[in-house]
All heavy atoms as atom14 arrays in JSON, in Angstrom:
{
  "sequence": "AVYDNVYSAFHLYVIQVETEQRSARFEKLKELGLGVNLHYI",
  "atom14_mask": [
    [1, 1, 1, 1, 1, 0, 0, 0, 0, 0, 0, 0, 0, 0],
    [1, 1, 1, 1, 1, 1, 1, 0, 0, 0, 0, 0, 0, 0],
    [1, 1, 1, 1, 1, 1, 1, 1, 1, 1, 1, 1, 0, 0],
    [1, 1, 1, 1, 1, 1, 1, 1, 0, 0, 0, 0, 0, 0],
    [1, 1, 1, 1, 1, 1, 1, 1, 0, 0, 0, 0, 0, 0],
    [1, 1, 1, 1, 1, 1, 1, 0, 0, 0, 0, 0, 0, 0],
    [1, 1, 1, 1, 1, 1, 1, 1, 1, 1, 1, 1, 0, 0],
    [1, 1, 1, 1, 1, 1, 0, 0, 0, 0, 0, 0, 0, 0],
    [1, 1, 1, 1, 1, 0, 0, 0, 0, 0, 0, 0, 0, 0],
    [1, 1, 1, 1, 1, 1, 1, 1, 1, 1, 1, 0, 0, 0],
    [1, 1, 1, 1, 1, 1, 1, 1, 1, 1, 0, 0, 0, 0],
    [1, 1, 1, 1, 1, 1, 1, 1, 0, 0, 0, 0, 0, 0],
    [1, 1, 1, 1, 1, 1, 1, 1, 1, 1, 1, 1, 0, 0],
    [1, 1, 1, 1, 1, 1, 1, 0, 0, 0, 0, 0, 0, 0],
    [1, 1, 1, 1, 1, 1, 1, 1, 0, 0, 0, 0, 0, 0],
    [1, 1, 1, 1, 1, 1, 1, 1, 1, 0, 0, 0, 0, 0],
    [1, 1, 1, 1, 1, 1, 1, 0, 0, 0, 0, 0, 0, 0],
    [1, 1, 1, 1, 1, 1, 1, 1, 1, 0, 0, 0, 0, 0],
    [1, 1, 1, 1, 1, 1, 1, 0, 0, 0, 0, 0, 0, 0],
    [1, 1, 1, 1, 1, 1, 1, 1, 1, 0, 0, 0, 0, 0],
    [1, 1, 1, 1, 1, 1, 1, 1, 1, 0, 0, 0, 0, 0],
    [1, 1, 1, 1, 1, 1, 1, 1, 1, 1, 1, 0, 0, 0],
    [1, 1, 1, 1, 1, 1, 0, 0, 0, 0, 0, 0, 0, 0],
    [1, 1, 1, 1, 1, 0, 0, 0, 0, 0, 0, 0, 0, 0],
    [1, 1, 1, 1, 1, 1, 1, 1, 1, 1, 1, 0, 0, 0],
    [1, 1, 1, 1, 1, 1, 1, 1, 1, 1, 1, 0, 0, 0],
    [1, 1, 1, 1, 1, 1, 1, 1, 1, 0, 0, 0, 0, 0],
    [1, 1, 1, 1, 1, 1, 1, 1, 1, 0, 0, 0, 0, 0],
    [1, 1, 1, 1, 1, 1, 1, 1, 0, 0, 0, 0, 0, 0],
    [1, 1, 1, 1, 1, 1, 1, 1, 1, 0, 0, 0, 0, 0],
    [1, 1, 1, 1, 1, 1, 1, 1, 1, 0, 0, 0, 0, 0],
    [1, 1, 1, 1, 1, 1, 1, 1, 0, 0, 0, 0, 0, 0],
    [1, 1, 1, 1, 0, 0, 0, 0, 0, 0, 0, 0, 0, 0],
    [1, 1, 1, 1, 1, 1, 1, 1, 0, 0, 0, 0, 0, 0],
    [1, 1, 1, 1, 0, 0, 0, 0, 0, 0, 0, 0, 0, 0],
    [1, 1, 1, 1, 1, 1, 1, 0, 0, 0, 0, 0, 0, 0],
    [1, 1, 1, 1, 1, 1, 1, 1, 0, 0, 0, 0, 0, 0],
    [1, 1, 1, 1, 1, 1, 1, 1, 0, 0, 0, 0, 0, 0],
    [1, 1, 1, 1, 1, 1, 1, 1, 1, 1, 0, 0, 0, 0],
    [1, 1, 1, 1, 1, 1, 1, 1, 1, 1, 1, 1, 0, 0],
    [1, 1, 1, 1, 1, 1, 1, 1, 0, 0, 0, 0, 0, 0]
  ],
  "atom14_positions": [
    [[0.31, 10.37, 3.54], [0.44, 11.76, 4.0], [-0.48, 11.97, 5.2], [-1.62, 11.52, 5.2], [0.07, 12.73, 2.88], [0.0, 0.0, 0.0], [0.0, 0.0, 0.0], [0.0, 0.0, 0.0], [0.0, 0.0, 0.0], [0.0, 0.0, 0.0], [0.0, 0.0, 0.0], [0.0, 0.0, 0.0], [0.0, 0.0, 0.0], [0.0, 0.0, 0.0]],
    [[0.04, 12.64, 6.22], [-0.73, 12.89, 7.44], [-0.84, 14.4, 7.64], [0.16, 15.12, 7.58], [-0.05, 12.23, 8.66], [-0.83, 12.55, 9.94], [0.07, 10.72, 8.47], [0.0, 0.0, 0.0], [0.0, 0.0, 0.0], [0.0, 0.0, 0.0], [0.0, 0.0, 0.0], [0.0, 0.0, 0.0], [0.0, 0.0, 0.0], [0.0, 0.0, 0.0]],
    [[-2.06, 14.87, 7.9], [-2.27, 16.3, 8.14], [-1.63, 16.74, 9.45], [-1.47, 15.95, 10.39], [-3.76, 16.61, 8.13], [-4.35, 16.69, 6.73], [-5.07, 15.64, 6.19], [-4.16, 17.82, 5.95], [-5.62, 15.71, 4.91], [-4.69, 17.9, 4.67], [-5.41, 16.85, 4.16], [-5.93, 16.92, 2.88], [0.0, 0.0, 0.0], [0.0, 0.0, 0.0]],
    [[-1.27, 18.02, 9.53], [-0.52, 18.55, 10.67], [-1.27, 18.45, 11.99], [-0.66, 18.32, 13.04], [-0.13, 20.01, 10.42], [0.9, 20.17, 9.31], [1.59, 19.17, 9.01], [1.0, 21.27, 8.74], [0.0, 0.0, 0.0], [0.0, 0.0, 0.0], [0.0, 0.0, 0.0], [0.0, 0.0, 0.0], [0.0, 0.0, 0.0], [0.0, 0.0, 0.0]],
    [[-2.6, 18.53, 11.94], [-3.39, 18.5, 13.18], [-3.81, 17.1, 13.58], [-4.68, 16.92, 14.44], [-4.62, 19.39, 13.04], [-5.58, 18.91, 11.96], [-5.18, 18.21, 11.03], [-6.84, 19.29, 12.07], [0.0, 0.0, 0.0], [0.0, 0.0, 0.0], [0.0, 0.0, 0.0], [0.0, 0.0, 0.0], [0.0, 0.0, 0.0], [0.0, 0.0, 0.0]],
    [[-3.18, 16.1, 12.98], [-3.54, 14.7, 13.22], [-2.32, 13.91, 13.7], [-1.21, 14.1, 13.21], [-4.07, 14.04, 11.93], [-4.25, 12.54, 12.1], [-5.4, 14.68, 11.51], [0.0, 0.0, 0.0], [0.0, 0.0, 0.0], [0.0, 0.0, 0.0], [0.0, 0.0, 0.0], [0.0, 0.0, 0.0], [0.0, 0.0, 0.0], [0.0, 0.0, 0.0]],
    [[-2.53, 13.06, 14.7], [-1.56, 12.03, 15.07], [-2.17, 10.71, 14.65], [-3.14, 10.23, 15.25], [-1.29, 12.07, 16.57], [-0.35, 10.98, 17.07], [0.97, 10.89, 16.6], [-0.78, 10.06, 18.02], [1.82, 9.89, 17.07], [0.08, 9.07, 18.5], [1.37, 9.0, 18.02], [2.23, 8.02, 18.49], [0.0, 0.0, 0.0], [0.0, 0.0, 0.0]],
    [[-1.66, 10.13, 13.58], [-2.25, 8.91, 13.02], [-1.88, 7.69, 13.86], [-0.75, 7.57, 14.35], [-1.77, 8.7, 11.58], [-2.29, 7.48, 11.07], [0.0, 0.0, 0.0], [0.0, 0.0, 0.0], [0.0, 0.0, 0.0], [0.0, 0.0, 0.0], [0.0, 0.0, 0.0], [0.0, 0.0, 0.0], [0.0, 0.0, 0.0], [0.0, 0.0, 0.0]],
    [[-2.83, 6.79, 14.0], [-2.54, 5.51, 14.66], [-1.8, 4.55, 13.73], [-1.32, 3.52, 14.17], [-3.84, 4.87, 15.15], [0.0, 0.0, 0.0], [0.0, 0.0, 0.0], [0.0, 0.0, 0.0], [0.0, 0.0, 0.0], [0.0, 0.0, 0.0], [0.0, 0.0, 0.0], [0.0, 0.0, 0.0], [0.0, 0.0, 0.0], [0.0, 0.0, 0.0]],
    [[-1.72, 4.87, 12.44], [-1.03, 4.07, 11.43], [-1.38, 2.59, 11.51], [-0.53, 1.72, 11.59], [0.48, 4.27, 11.49], [0.96, 5.3, 10.51], [1.42, 6.53, 10.93], [0.9, 5.06, 9.14], [1.83, 7.5, 10.02], [1.3, 6.01, 8.22], [1.77, 7.24, 8.66], [0.0, 0.0, 0.0], [0.0, 0.0, 0.0], [0.0, 0.0, 0.0]],
    [[-2.69, 2.33, 11.46], [-3.13, 0.94, 11.33], [-2.63, 0.34, 10.02], [-2.26, -0.84, 9.97], [-4.65, 0.88, 11.4], [-5.24, -0.41, 10.93], [-4.84, -1.63, 11.43], [-6.18, -0.69, 9.98], [-5.51, -2.6, 10.83], [-6.32, -2.06, 9.94], [0.0, 0.0, 0.0], [0.0, 0.0, 0.0], [0.0, 0.0, 0.0], [0.0, 0.0, 0.0]],
    [[-2.63, 1.14, 8.95], [-2.19, 0.68, 7.64], [-1.15, 1.62, 7.07], [-1.16, 2.82, 7.36], [-3.38, 0.62, 6.66], [-4.56, -0.27, 7.01], [-5.7, -0.05, 6.01], [-4.15, -1.73, 7.06], [0.0, 0.0, 0.0], [0.0, 0.0, 0.0], [0.0, 0.0, 0.0], [0.0, 0.0, 0.0], [0.0, 0.0, 0.0], [0.0, 0.0, 0.0]],
    [[-0.27, 1.06, 6.24], [0.7, 1.86, 5.48], [0.44, 1.58, 4.01], [0.74, 0.49, 3.51], [2.13, 1.49, 5.86], [3.17, 2.39, 5.21], [3.62, 3.54, 5.86], [3.69, 2.1, 3.96], [4.57, 4.38, 5.28], [4.63, 2.93, 3.36], [5.07, 4.06, 4.03], [6.01, 4.89, 3.45], [0.0, 0.0, 0.0], [0.0, 0.0, 0.0]],
    [[-0.17, 2.56, 3.32], [-0.6, 2.37, 1.93], [0.21, 3.25, 1.0], [0.33, 4.46, 1.21], [-2.1, 2.7, 1.78], [-2.55, 2.46, 0.34], [-2.95, 1.87, 2.74], [0.0, 0.0, 0.0], [0.0, 0.0, 0.0], [0.0, 0.0, 0.0], [0.0, 0.0, 0.0], [0.0, 0.0, 0.0], [0.0, 0.0, 0.0], [0.0, 0.0, 0.0]],
    [[0.77, 2.63, -0.03], [1.43, 3.38, -1.09], [0.55, 3.37, -2.33], [-0.36, 2.53, -2.44], [2.83, 2.82, -1.43], [2.71, 1.37, -1.95], [3.74, 2.88, -0.21], [4.03, 0.81, -2.49], [0.0, 0.0, 0.0], [0.0, 0.0, 0.0], [0.0, 0.0, 0.0], [0.0, 0.0, 0.0], [0.0, 0.0, 0.0], [0.0, 0.0, 0.0]],
    [[0.8, 4.29, -3.25], [0.12, 4.29, -4.54], [1.15, 4.25, -5.65], [2.17, 4.95, -5.59], [-0.76, 5.52, -4.69], [-2.0, 5.5, -3.83], [-2.98, 6.58, -4.25], [-3.76, 6.43, -5.17], [-2.92, 7.7, -3.54], [0.0, 0.0, 0.0], [0.0, 0.0, 0.0], [0.0, 0.0, 0.0], [0.0, 0.0, 0.0], [0.0, 0.0, 0.0]],
    [[0.86, 3.43, -6.66], [1.73, 3.3, -7.82], [0.88, 3.52, -9.07], [-0.35, 3.55, -9.0], [2.41, 1.92, -7.85], [3.16, 1.66, -6.55], [1.39, 0.8, -8.08], [0.0, 0.0, 0.0], [0.0, 0.0, 0.0], [0.0, 0.0, 0.0], [0.0, 0.0, 0.0], [0.0, 0.0, 0.0], [0.0, 0.0, 0.0], [0.0, 0.0, 0.0]],
    [[1.52, 3.65, -10.2], [0.76, 3.83, -11.43], [-0.14, 2.62, -11.68], [0.26, 1.47, -11.48], [1.69, 4.04, -12.61], [2.42, 5.39, -12.56], [1.47, 6.57, -12.47], [0.45, 6.58, -13.2], [1.71, 7.47, -11.64], [0.0, 0.0, 0.0], [0.0, 0.0, 0.0], [0.0, 0.0, 0.0], [0.0, 0.0, 0.0], [0.0, 0.0, 0.0]],
    [[-1.35, 2.88, -12.14], [-2.36, 1.84, -12.29], [-1.88, 0.67, -13.14], [-2.07, -0.51, -12.79], [-3.63, 2.43, -12.92], [-4.1, 3.5, -12.1], [-4.72, 1.38, -13.05], [0.0, 0.0, 0.0], [0.0, 0.0, 0.0], [0.0, 0.0, 0.0], [0.0, 0.0, 0.0], [0.0, 0.0, 0.0], [0.0, 0.0, 0.0], [0.0, 0.0, 0.0]],
    [[-1.21, 0.98, -14.25], [-0.78, -0.08, -15.16], [0.33, -0.95, -14.56], [0.61, -2.05, -15.04], [-0.31, 0.51, -16.5], [0.86, 1.46, -16.41], [0.45, 2.9, -16.15], [-0.72, 3.13, -15.78], [1.31, 3.79, -16.3], [0.0, 0.0, 0.0], [0.0, 0.0, 0.0], [0.0, 0.0, 0.0], [0.0, 0.0, 0.0], [0.0, 0.0, 0.0]],
    [[0.97, -0.47, -13.5], [2.04, -1.23, -12.84], [1.55, -2.02, -11.65], [2.22, -2.94, -11.2], [3.14, -0.28, -12.36], [3.82, 0.54, -13.42], [4.83, 1.51, -12.81], [4.82, 1.77, -11.6], [5.7, 2.04, -13.64], [0.0, 0.0, 0.0], [0.0, 0.0, 0.0], [0.0, 0.0, 0.0], [0.0, 0.0, 0.0], [0.0, 0.0, 0.0]],
    [[0.36, -1.65, -11.13], [-0.03, -2.14, -9.81], [-0.1, -3.67, -9.72], [0.49, -4.28, -8.83], [-1.37, -1.52, -9.4], [-1.61, -1.54, -7.88], [-2.34, -2.76, -7.41], [-3.64, -2.88, -8.01], [-4.74, -2.31, -7.51], [-4.69, -1.57, -6.43], [-5.91, -2.49, -8.13], [0.0, 0.0, 0.0], [0.0, 0.0, 0.0], [0.0, 0.0, 0.0]],
    [[-0.79, -4.33, -10.63], [-0.99, -5.78, -10.52], [0.33, -6.54, -10.55], [0.58, -7.41, -9.71], [-1.91, -6.27, -11.64], [-3.2, -5.8, -11.46], [0.0, 0.0, 0.0], [0.0, 0.0, 0.0], [0.0, 0.0, 0.0], [0.0, 0.0, 0.0], [0.0, 0.0, 0.0], [0.0, 0.0, 0.0], [0.0, 0.0, 0.0], [0.0, 0.0, 0.0]],
    [[1.2, -6.2, -11.5], [2.48, -6.91, -11.62], [3.35, -6.66, -10.39], [3.98, -7.59, -9.87], [3.2, -6.47, -12.89], [0.0, 0.0, 0.0], [0.0, 0.0, 0.0], [0.0, 0.0, 0.0], [0.0, 0.0, 0.0], [0.0, 0.0, 0.0], [0.0, 0.0, 0.0], [0.0, 0.0, 0.0], [0.0, 0.0, 0.0], [0.0, 0.0, 0.0]],
    [[3.4, -5.42, -9.93], [4.22, -5.09, -8.76], [3.65, -5.73, -7.49], [4.41, -6.18, -6.63], [4.31, -3.57, -8.6], [4.93, -2.85, -9.81], [6.43, -3.11, -9.93], [7.0, -2.53, -11.14], [7.5, -1.3, -11.24], [7.47, -0.5, -10.19], [8.03, -0.88, -12.37], [0.0, 0.0, 0.0], [0.0, 0.0, 0.0], [0.0, 0.0, 0.0]],
    [[2.33, -5.76, -7.38], [1.67, -6.41, -6.25], [2.09, -7.88, -6.15], [2.48, -8.37, -5.09], [0.16, -6.28, -6.42], [-0.67, -6.71, -5.22], [-1.16, -5.77, -4.33], [-0.96, -8.05, -5.0], [-1.93, -6.16, -3.25], [-1.72, -8.45, -3.92], [-2.22, -7.5, -3.03], [0.0, 0.0, 0.0], [0.0, 0.0, 0.0], [0.0, 0.0, 0.0]],
    [[2.01, -8.58, -7.27], [2.35, -10.0, -7.28], [3.84, -10.22, -7.03], [4.23, -11.19, -6.38], [1.93, -10.64, -8.6], [0.43, -10.62, -8.86], [-0.38, -11.28, -7.75], [0.12, -12.25, -7.14], [-1.51, -10.82, -7.5], [0.0, 0.0, 0.0], [0.0, 0.0, 0.0], [0.0, 0.0, 0.0], [0.0, 0.0, 0.0], [0.0, 0.0, 0.0]],
    [[4.68, -9.33, -7.53], [6.12, -9.44, -7.3], [6.46, -9.25, -5.83], [7.3, -9.98, -5.28], [6.87, -8.41, -8.16], [8.39, -8.56, -8.11], [8.84, -9.88, -8.71], [10.36, -9.99, -8.75], [10.81, -11.3, -9.28], [0.0, 0.0, 0.0], [0.0, 0.0, 0.0], [0.0, 0.0, 0.0], [0.0, 0.0, 0.0], [0.0, 0.0, 0.0]],
    [[5.82, -8.3, -5.18], [6.02, -8.09, -3.75], [5.65, -9.35, -2.96], [6.36, -9.77, -2.03], [5.21, -6.89, -3.26], [5.67, -5.52, -3.75], [4.59, -4.47, -3.48], [6.99, -5.1, -3.09], [0.0, 0.0, 0.0], [0.0, 0.0, 0.0], [0.0, 0.0, 0.0], [0.0, 0.0, 0.0], [0.0, 0.0, 0.0], [0.0, 0.0, 0.0]],
    [[4.54, -9.98, -3.33], [4.13, -11.22, -2.67], [5.15, -12.33, -2.92], [5.51, -13.08, -2.0], [2.75, -11.66, -3.18], [1.6, -10.83, -2.65], [0.26, -11.31, -3.18], [-0.09, -12.68, -2.68], [-1.44, -13.11, -3.14], [0.0, 0.0, 0.0], [0.0, 0.0, 0.0], [0.0, 0.0, 0.0], [0.0, 0.0, 0.0], [0.0, 0.0, 0.0]],
    [[5.61, -12.43, -4.15], [6.59, -13.46, -4.52], [7.86, -13.33, -3.7], [8.5, -14.33, -3.34], [6.91, -13.32, -6.01], [7.9, -14.32, -6.56], [8.23, -14.03, -8.01], [7.31, -13.68, -8.78], [9.42, -14.14, -8.37], [0.0, 0.0, 0.0], [0.0, 0.0, 0.0], [0.0, 0.0, 0.0], [0.0, 0.0, 0.0], [0.0, 0.0, 0.0]],
    [[8.21, -12.09, -3.34], [9.44, -11.83, -2.58], [9.21, -11.81, -1.07], [10.12, -11.44, -0.31], [10.06, -10.51, -3.04], [10.58, -10.51, -4.49], [11.07, -9.13, -4.89], [11.69, -11.55, -4.66], [0.0, 0.0, 0.0], [0.0, 0.0, 0.0], [0.0, 0.0, 0.0], [0.0, 0.0, 0.0], [0.0, 0.0, 0.0], [0.0, 0.0, 0.0]],
    [[8.0, -12.19, -0.63], [7.81, -12.43, 0.8], [7.06, -11.37, 1.57], [7.04, -11.42, 2.81], [0.0, 0.0, 0.0], [0.0, 0.0, 0.0], [0.0, 0.0, 0.0], [0.0, 0.0, 0.0], [0.0, 0.0, 0.0], [0.0, 0.0, 0.0], [0.0, 0.0, 0.0], [0.0, 0.0, 0.0], [0.0, 0.0, 0.0], [0.0, 0.0, 0.0]],
    [[6.43, -10.42, 0.9], [5.63, -9.42, 1.61], [4.14, -9.73, 1.44], [3.66, -9.85, 0.31], [5.92, -8.01, 1.09], [7.36, -7.51, 1.17], [7.42, -6.02, 0.84], [7.99, -7.78, 2.53], [0.0, 0.0, 0.0], [0.0, 0.0, 0.0], [0.0, 0.0, 0.0], [0.0, 0.0, 0.0], [0.0, 0.0, 0.0], [0.0, 0.0, 0.0]],
    [[3.44, -9.83, 2.53], [2.01, -10.14, 2.5], [1.19, -8.89, 2.23], [0.39, -8.46, 3.07], [0.0, 0.0, 0.0], [0.0, 0.0, 0.0], [0.0, 0.0, 0.0], [0.0, 0.0, 0.0], [0.0, 0.0, 0.0], [0.0, 0.0, 0.0], [0.0, 0.0, 0.0], [0.0, 0.0, 0.0], [0.0, 0.0, 0.0], [0.0, 0.0, 0.0]],
    [[1.37, -8.31, 1.06], [0.67, -7.07, 0.7], [-0.83, -7.33, 0.56], [-1.28, -8.46, 0.39], [1.25, -6.47, -0.6], [2.66, -5.95, -0.35], [1.26, -7.5, -1.72], [0.0, 0.0, 0.0], [0.0, 0.0, 0.0], [0.0, 0.0, 0.0], [0.0, 0.0, 0.0], [0.0, 0.0, 0.0], [0.0, 0.0, 0.0], [0.0, 0.0, 0.0]],
    [[-1.59, -6.23, 0.62], [-3.04, -6.36, 0.55], [-3.6, -5.11, -0.13], [-2.84, -4.21, -0.48], [-3.62, -6.52, 1.96], [-4.9, -7.34, 1.97], [-5.69, -7.27, 1.04], [-5.12, -8.08, 3.04], [0.0, 0.0, 0.0], [0.0, 0.0, 0.0], [0.0, 0.0, 0.0], [0.0, 0.0, 0.0], [0.0, 0.0, 0.0], [0.0, 0.0, 0.0]],
    [[-4.92, -5.07, -0.3], [-5.59, -3.91, -0.88], [-6.69, -3.44, 0.07], [-7.6, -4.19, 0.39], [-6.2, -4.24, -2.24], [-7.1, -3.15, -2.86], [-6.33, -1.86, -3.02], [-7.68, -3.61, -4.18], [0.0, 0.0, 0.0], [0.0, 0.0, 0.0], [0.0, 0.0, 0.0], [0.0, 0.0, 0.0], [0.0, 0.0, 0.0], [0.0, 0.0, 0.0]],
    [[-6.59, -2.2, 0.48], [-7.61, -1.55, 1.32], [-7.99, -0.23, 0.66], [-7.24, 0.73, 0.76], [-7.08, -1.28, 2.72], [-6.69, -2.5, 3.48], [-5.43, -3.06, 3.4], [-7.4, -3.29, 4.33], [-5.38, -4.12, 4.19], [-6.56, -4.29, 4.76], [0.0, 0.0, 0.0], [0.0, 0.0, 0.0], [0.0, 0.0, 0.0], [0.0, 0.0, 0.0]],
    [[-9.11, -0.14, -0.03], [-10.13, -1.15, -0.23], [-10.59, -1.09, -1.69], [-10.35, -0.1, -2.38], [-11.34, -0.88, 0.66], [-11.09, -1.08, 2.12], [-10.77, -0.01, 2.93], [-11.18, -2.36, 2.67], [-10.55, -0.21, 4.28], [-10.97, -2.56, 4.03], [-10.64, -1.47, 4.83], [-10.42, -1.66, 6.17], [0.0, 0.0, 0.0], [0.0, 0.0, 0.0]],
    [[-11.31, -2.1, -2.14], [-12.1, -1.98, -3.36], [-13.31, -1.13, -2.98], [-14.01, -1.44, -2.01], [-12.54, -3.36, -3.86], [-11.31, -4.21, -4.23], [-13.49, -3.23, -5.05], [-11.63, -5.65, -4.54], [0.0, 0.0, 0.0], [0.0, 0.0, 0.0], [0.0, 0.0, 0.0], [0.0, 0.0, 0.0], [0.0, 0.0, 0.0], [0.0, 0.0, 0.0]]
  ]
}
């Protein structure tokens, strides 16, 4: 989400998913060819 008074440079595109789903979905995305990452711990 981007605030109305901001033009984002969109260095990153981050989605959020339910916590209990995150690890399995993260690994599945990688398995299917997307170099997903975590920004940040």
